[in-house]
N, C-alpha and C. Protein backbone atom coordinates (compact mmCIF):
# COMPACT_ATOMS: atom_id res chain seq x y z
N MET A 1 144.57 30.08 120.95
CA MET A 1 144.96 29.53 119.47
C MET A 1 143.82 29.50 118.59
N ALA A 2 142.53 29.16 118.83
CA ALA A 2 141.65 29.27 117.82
C ALA A 2 141.18 30.79 117.57
N LYS A 3 141.20 31.61 118.82
CA LYS A 3 140.99 32.92 118.59
C LYS A 3 141.91 33.78 117.65
N ARG A 4 143.23 33.18 117.70
CA ARG A 4 144.23 33.63 116.83
C ARG A 4 143.99 33.37 115.47
N ASP A 5 143.48 32.23 115.11
CA ASP A 5 143.27 31.56 113.87
C ASP A 5 142.08 32.16 113.22
N VAL A 6 141.10 32.45 113.96
CA VAL A 6 139.80 33.14 113.63
C VAL A 6 140.22 34.65 112.90
N MET A 7 140.91 35.30 113.63
CA MET A 7 141.49 36.55 113.41
C MET A 7 142.31 36.40 112.12
N ALA A 8 143.22 35.47 112.02
CA ALA A 8 143.99 35.36 110.89
C ALA A 8 143.14 35.04 109.67
N LEU A 9 141.98 34.40 109.70
CA LEU A 9 141.09 33.85 108.81
C LEU A 9 140.53 35.20 108.31
N TRP A 10 140.13 36.07 109.24
CA TRP A 10 139.43 37.36 108.89
C TRP A 10 140.25 38.31 108.01
N LEU A 11 141.60 38.29 108.47
CA LEU A 11 142.56 39.06 107.76
C LEU A 11 142.73 38.31 106.28
N ALA A 12 142.74 37.27 106.31
CA ALA A 12 142.90 36.42 105.06
C ALA A 12 141.75 36.67 104.18
N ALA A 13 140.64 36.79 104.58
CA ALA A 13 139.41 36.98 103.74
C ALA A 13 139.38 38.32 103.12
N ARG A 14 140.24 39.26 103.54
CA ARG A 14 140.21 40.56 103.13
C ARG A 14 141.61 40.79 102.23
N ASP A 15 142.47 39.76 102.25
CA ASP A 15 143.69 40.11 101.59
C ASP A 15 143.58 39.56 100.02
N PRO A 16 144.05 40.67 99.07
CA PRO A 16 143.92 40.21 97.69
C PRO A 16 144.78 38.94 97.21
N ARG A 17 145.78 38.67 98.01
CA ARG A 17 146.73 37.59 97.62
C ARG A 17 146.03 36.13 97.76
N VAL A 18 145.01 36.17 98.52
CA VAL A 18 144.35 34.86 98.67
C VAL A 18 143.55 34.40 97.67
N PRO A 19 143.39 33.18 97.33
CA PRO A 19 142.52 32.80 96.31
C PRO A 19 141.14 32.92 96.75
N TRP A 20 140.22 33.01 95.77
CA TRP A 20 138.81 33.47 95.90
C TRP A 20 138.15 32.41 96.76
N LEU A 21 138.27 31.19 96.52
CA LEU A 21 137.61 29.85 97.21
C LEU A 21 138.09 30.14 98.66
N ALA A 22 139.45 30.35 99.08
CA ALA A 22 139.83 30.26 100.50
C ALA A 22 139.35 31.66 101.04
N LYS A 23 139.12 32.64 100.22
CA LYS A 23 138.62 33.97 101.00
C LYS A 23 137.03 33.77 101.25
N LEU A 24 136.41 33.07 100.45
CA LEU A 24 135.11 32.77 100.78
C LEU A 24 134.90 31.93 102.12
N VAL A 25 135.65 30.79 102.10
CA VAL A 25 135.79 29.97 103.25
C VAL A 25 136.18 30.50 104.38
N ALA A 26 137.29 31.26 104.44
CA ALA A 26 137.79 32.12 105.54
C ALA A 26 136.89 33.06 106.21
N GLY A 27 136.23 33.70 105.27
CA GLY A 27 135.16 34.90 105.58
C GLY A 27 133.96 34.15 106.26
N ALA A 28 133.69 33.07 105.78
CA ALA A 28 132.51 32.38 106.35
C ALA A 28 132.71 31.86 107.69
N VAL A 29 134.00 31.17 107.74
CA VAL A 29 134.25 30.48 109.20
C VAL A 29 134.45 31.56 110.22
N ALA A 30 135.22 32.68 109.78
CA ALA A 30 135.52 33.79 110.78
C ALA A 30 134.08 34.47 111.31
N ALA A 31 133.15 34.68 110.28
CA ALA A 31 132.01 35.30 110.52
C ALA A 31 131.03 34.57 111.51
N TYR A 32 131.14 33.17 111.12
CA TYR A 32 130.43 32.16 112.12
C TYR A 32 131.06 32.17 113.35
N ALA A 33 132.31 32.01 113.50
CA ALA A 33 132.91 31.96 114.85
C ALA A 33 132.73 33.16 115.54
N LEU A 34 132.73 34.30 114.95
CA LEU A 34 132.56 35.61 115.82
C LEU A 34 131.23 35.84 115.85
N SER A 35 130.14 35.35 115.24
CA SER A 35 128.77 35.69 115.28
C SER A 35 128.15 35.16 116.69
N PRO A 36 127.29 36.04 117.18
CA PRO A 36 126.56 35.60 118.57
C PRO A 36 125.52 34.53 118.22
N ILE A 37 125.24 34.16 116.78
CA ILE A 37 124.05 33.36 116.59
C ILE A 37 124.76 32.10 116.12
N ASP A 38 124.29 30.98 116.75
CA ASP A 38 125.07 29.64 116.58
C ASP A 38 123.85 28.87 115.71
N LEU A 39 124.62 27.97 115.18
CA LEU A 39 123.71 26.99 114.38
C LEU A 39 122.93 26.21 115.19
N ILE A 40 123.39 25.73 116.38
CA ILE A 40 122.83 25.02 117.51
C ILE A 40 122.74 26.01 118.61
N PRO A 41 121.58 26.28 119.20
CA PRO A 41 121.80 27.14 120.46
C PRO A 41 122.44 26.60 121.48
N ASP A 42 123.23 27.31 122.28
CA ASP A 42 124.01 26.95 123.43
C ASP A 42 123.29 26.46 124.51
N PHE A 43 121.94 26.90 124.60
CA PHE A 43 121.26 26.29 126.13
C PHE A 43 120.72 25.06 125.85
N LEU A 44 120.99 24.29 124.60
CA LEU A 44 120.70 23.13 124.50
C LEU A 44 121.66 22.27 125.25
N PRO A 45 121.36 21.29 126.22
CA PRO A 45 122.28 20.59 126.86
C PRO A 45 123.34 19.70 125.87
N VAL A 46 124.51 19.61 126.01
CA VAL A 46 125.50 18.86 125.48
C VAL A 46 125.64 19.24 123.88
N ILE A 47 124.38 19.19 123.16
CA ILE A 47 124.67 19.35 121.68
C ILE A 47 124.70 20.77 121.34
N GLY A 48 124.40 21.73 122.39
CA GLY A 48 124.55 23.13 122.09
C GLY A 48 125.73 23.77 121.93
N TYR A 49 127.00 22.87 122.35
CA TYR A 49 128.22 23.27 122.26
C TYR A 49 128.97 22.55 121.16
N LEU A 50 128.27 21.63 120.43
CA LEU A 50 128.78 20.80 119.27
C LEU A 50 129.44 21.64 118.28
N ASP A 51 128.53 22.87 117.96
CA ASP A 51 129.11 23.76 116.81
C ASP A 51 130.43 24.39 117.16
N ASP A 52 130.63 24.70 118.36
CA ASP A 52 131.90 25.29 119.05
C ASP A 52 133.01 24.31 119.18
N LEU A 53 132.67 23.09 119.38
CA LEU A 53 133.63 22.12 119.44
C LEU A 53 133.99 21.40 118.33
N VAL A 54 133.22 21.40 117.37
CA VAL A 54 133.20 20.54 116.00
C VAL A 54 133.29 21.34 114.87
N ILE A 55 132.19 22.11 114.58
CA ILE A 55 132.16 22.86 113.25
C ILE A 55 133.09 23.90 113.04
N VAL A 56 133.46 24.71 114.18
CA VAL A 56 134.38 25.75 114.02
C VAL A 56 136.03 25.19 113.84
N PRO A 57 136.24 24.40 114.62
CA PRO A 57 137.53 23.82 114.35
C PRO A 57 137.76 23.24 113.04
N LEU A 58 136.80 22.47 112.45
CA LEU A 58 136.85 21.89 111.16
C LEU A 58 136.87 22.98 110.05
N GLY A 59 136.03 23.98 110.36
CA GLY A 59 136.15 25.19 109.50
C GLY A 59 137.45 25.80 109.46
N ILE A 60 137.89 26.02 110.48
CA ILE A 60 139.40 26.51 110.56
C ILE A 60 140.51 25.65 109.88
N MET A 61 140.42 24.48 109.98
CA MET A 61 141.33 23.34 109.44
C MET A 61 141.02 23.43 107.94
N LEU A 62 139.82 23.64 107.31
CA LEU A 62 139.50 23.63 106.06
C LEU A 62 140.01 25.15 105.38
N ALA A 63 139.84 25.90 106.06
CA ALA A 63 140.24 27.30 105.42
C ALA A 63 141.73 27.34 105.44
N VAL A 64 142.41 27.03 106.54
CA VAL A 64 143.90 26.98 106.67
C VAL A 64 144.40 26.25 105.55
N SER A 65 143.78 25.09 105.18
CA SER A 65 144.45 24.15 104.29
C SER A 65 144.23 24.79 102.73
N LEU A 66 143.28 25.67 102.73
CA LEU A 66 143.04 26.44 101.38
C LEU A 66 144.00 27.60 101.17
N ILE A 67 144.67 28.08 102.20
CA ILE A 67 145.44 29.45 102.10
C ILE A 67 146.94 28.89 102.03
N PRO A 68 147.63 29.32 101.22
CA PRO A 68 149.20 29.18 100.93
C PRO A 68 149.78 29.28 102.38
N ALA A 69 150.62 28.37 102.70
CA ALA A 69 151.50 28.33 104.01
C ALA A 69 152.05 29.70 104.41
N GLU A 70 152.84 30.11 103.31
CA GLU A 70 153.47 31.54 103.75
C GLU A 70 152.61 32.65 104.07
N LEU A 71 151.34 32.56 103.50
CA LEU A 71 150.52 33.70 103.89
C LEU A 71 149.75 33.41 105.16
N ILE A 72 149.35 32.27 105.48
CA ILE A 72 148.65 31.90 106.71
C ILE A 72 149.57 32.15 107.89
N SER A 73 150.94 31.83 107.75
CA SER A 73 151.83 32.22 108.80
C SER A 73 151.89 33.66 109.05
N GLU A 74 152.07 34.49 107.84
CA GLU A 74 151.90 35.99 108.02
C GLU A 74 150.61 36.50 108.65
N PHE A 75 149.39 35.85 108.49
CA PHE A 75 148.24 36.26 108.95
C PHE A 75 148.22 35.86 110.36
N ARG A 76 148.76 34.86 110.83
CA ARG A 76 148.80 34.08 112.13
C ARG A 76 149.63 35.28 112.89
N ALA A 77 150.83 35.68 112.44
CA ALA A 77 151.83 36.74 113.19
C ALA A 77 151.00 37.71 113.25
N GLU A 78 150.17 38.46 112.14
CA GLU A 78 149.57 39.76 112.25
C GLU A 78 148.38 39.74 113.35
N ALA A 79 147.66 38.68 113.41
CA ALA A 79 146.76 38.38 114.56
C ALA A 79 147.27 38.33 115.85
N ALA A 80 148.55 37.60 115.98
CA ALA A 80 149.06 37.82 117.39
C ALA A 80 149.53 39.06 117.75
N ARG A 81 149.95 39.68 116.83
CA ARG A 81 150.49 41.21 117.18
C ARG A 81 149.34 42.07 117.43
N ARG A 82 148.03 42.00 116.60
CA ARG A 82 146.95 42.73 116.92
C ARG A 82 146.40 42.29 118.33
N ALA A 83 146.42 40.99 118.68
CA ALA A 83 145.70 40.60 119.95
C ALA A 83 146.75 41.16 121.23
N SER A 84 147.90 41.20 120.96
CA SER A 84 148.79 41.86 122.31
C SER A 84 148.89 43.25 122.07
N GLY A 85 148.10 43.97 121.15
CA GLY A 85 148.16 45.28 121.06
C GLY A 85 147.45 46.09 122.28
N PRO A 86 147.35 47.28 122.36
CA PRO A 86 146.64 48.12 123.38
C PRO A 86 145.24 48.04 123.37
N SER A 87 144.85 48.19 124.60
CA SER A 87 143.33 48.02 124.70
C SER A 87 142.74 49.23 125.04
N SER A 88 141.49 49.42 124.72
CA SER A 88 141.05 50.93 124.93
C SER A 88 140.20 51.01 126.21
N LYS A 89 141.01 51.71 127.10
CA LYS A 89 140.13 51.94 128.36
C LYS A 89 139.16 52.93 128.19
N GLY A 90 139.22 53.82 127.19
CA GLY A 90 138.25 54.77 126.95
C GLY A 90 136.87 54.02 126.39
N GLY A 91 137.36 53.25 125.57
CA GLY A 91 136.12 52.34 124.91
C GLY A 91 135.38 51.70 125.86
N LEU A 92 136.16 50.99 126.94
CA LEU A 92 135.55 50.29 128.15
C LEU A 92 134.71 51.34 128.94
N ALA A 93 135.32 52.40 129.22
CA ALA A 93 134.46 53.54 129.87
C ALA A 93 133.18 53.76 129.16
N PHE A 94 133.44 54.17 128.11
CA PHE A 94 132.06 54.42 127.16
C PHE A 94 130.89 53.46 127.01
N VAL A 95 131.25 52.13 126.87
CA VAL A 95 130.52 51.13 126.97
C VAL A 95 129.88 50.79 128.49
N ALA A 96 130.68 51.13 129.48
CA ALA A 96 130.06 51.03 130.93
C ALA A 96 129.18 52.03 131.06
N ALA A 97 129.54 53.19 130.56
CA ALA A 97 128.59 54.44 130.79
C ALA A 97 127.31 54.12 130.20
N ILE A 98 127.13 53.68 128.94
CA ILE A 98 125.96 53.40 128.10
C ILE A 98 125.13 52.29 128.90
N TRP A 99 125.75 51.14 129.56
CA TRP A 99 125.12 50.30 130.31
C TRP A 99 124.43 50.96 131.52
N LEU A 100 125.33 51.69 132.20
CA LEU A 100 124.83 52.45 133.38
C LEU A 100 123.71 53.32 132.93
N ALA A 101 123.79 53.99 132.02
CA ALA A 101 122.55 54.91 131.59
C ALA A 101 121.45 54.18 131.26
N ALA A 102 121.54 52.88 130.67
CA ALA A 102 120.38 52.13 130.23
C ALA A 102 119.73 51.48 131.54
N ALA A 103 120.72 51.24 132.60
CA ALA A 103 120.04 50.69 133.79
C ALA A 103 119.35 51.64 134.63
N ILE A 104 119.81 52.87 134.70
CA ILE A 104 119.36 54.05 135.23
C ILE A 104 117.80 54.42 134.73
N GLY A 105 117.95 54.44 133.29
CA GLY A 105 116.80 54.67 132.41
C GLY A 105 115.71 53.94 132.73
N LEU A 106 116.03 52.37 132.72
CA LEU A 106 114.92 51.41 132.99
C LEU A 106 114.47 51.58 134.56
N ALA A 107 115.41 51.80 135.40
CA ALA A 107 115.02 51.87 136.78
C ALA A 107 114.00 53.10 136.89
N TRP A 108 114.31 54.27 136.18
CA TRP A 108 113.50 55.57 136.36
C TRP A 108 112.05 55.27 135.53
N LEU A 109 112.03 54.28 134.52
CA LEU A 109 111.02 54.06 133.75
C LEU A 109 109.92 53.20 134.54
N PHE A 110 110.49 52.11 135.27
CA PHE A 110 109.70 51.06 135.87
C PHE A 110 109.53 51.40 137.42
N TRP A 111 110.16 52.44 137.92
CA TRP A 111 110.12 52.65 139.42
C TRP A 111 108.70 52.84 139.73
N PRO A 112 107.80 53.65 139.02
CA PRO A 112 106.57 53.78 139.51
C PRO A 112 105.64 52.66 139.63
N LEU A 113 105.94 51.44 138.73
CA LEU A 113 105.22 50.25 138.80
C LEU A 113 105.74 49.41 139.88
N VAL A 114 106.92 49.53 140.26
CA VAL A 114 107.57 48.70 141.41
C VAL A 114 107.10 49.22 142.72
N SER A 115 107.10 50.59 142.68
CA SER A 115 106.80 50.98 144.17
C SER A 115 105.41 51.19 144.63
N ARG A 116 104.57 50.50 143.90
CA ARG A 116 102.99 50.57 144.28
C ARG A 116 102.88 49.65 145.40
C-alpha cells in the first residue's frame, strides 16, 4: 500500500493539475522514500527504522491531504496499474550479467594477491 502511494505521489509531482505546494511535498516524500539515503541510518538499532515507520507515512499522509481527492484516486489507480504491469526479464539478465562481470573482474584482479 505504501509502495503504491509513493508511486502515486511521484505521478502527482509530475502532473500539471496538482497545486504547486502539493507537487513540492509529493516530490519530496517520493524522493525520500525511494532514496537509498536515510535521515537516520538503518544500521542504528531501533531508531534506524524510525524514518521508515514514522517520517515516510506522515509525509504520505500530508501529501495526500494536499492533493484533490479525485486526482489522488486517479494517481493511485495508475500506480496500481503500473505495479501490475510486465516486468523486464531482459533487464534482469542485463543487471545479473553486469554483477557477474564485476565479480569475475574483481576475482581476476585480486587472484594474484590471494594465491600467494
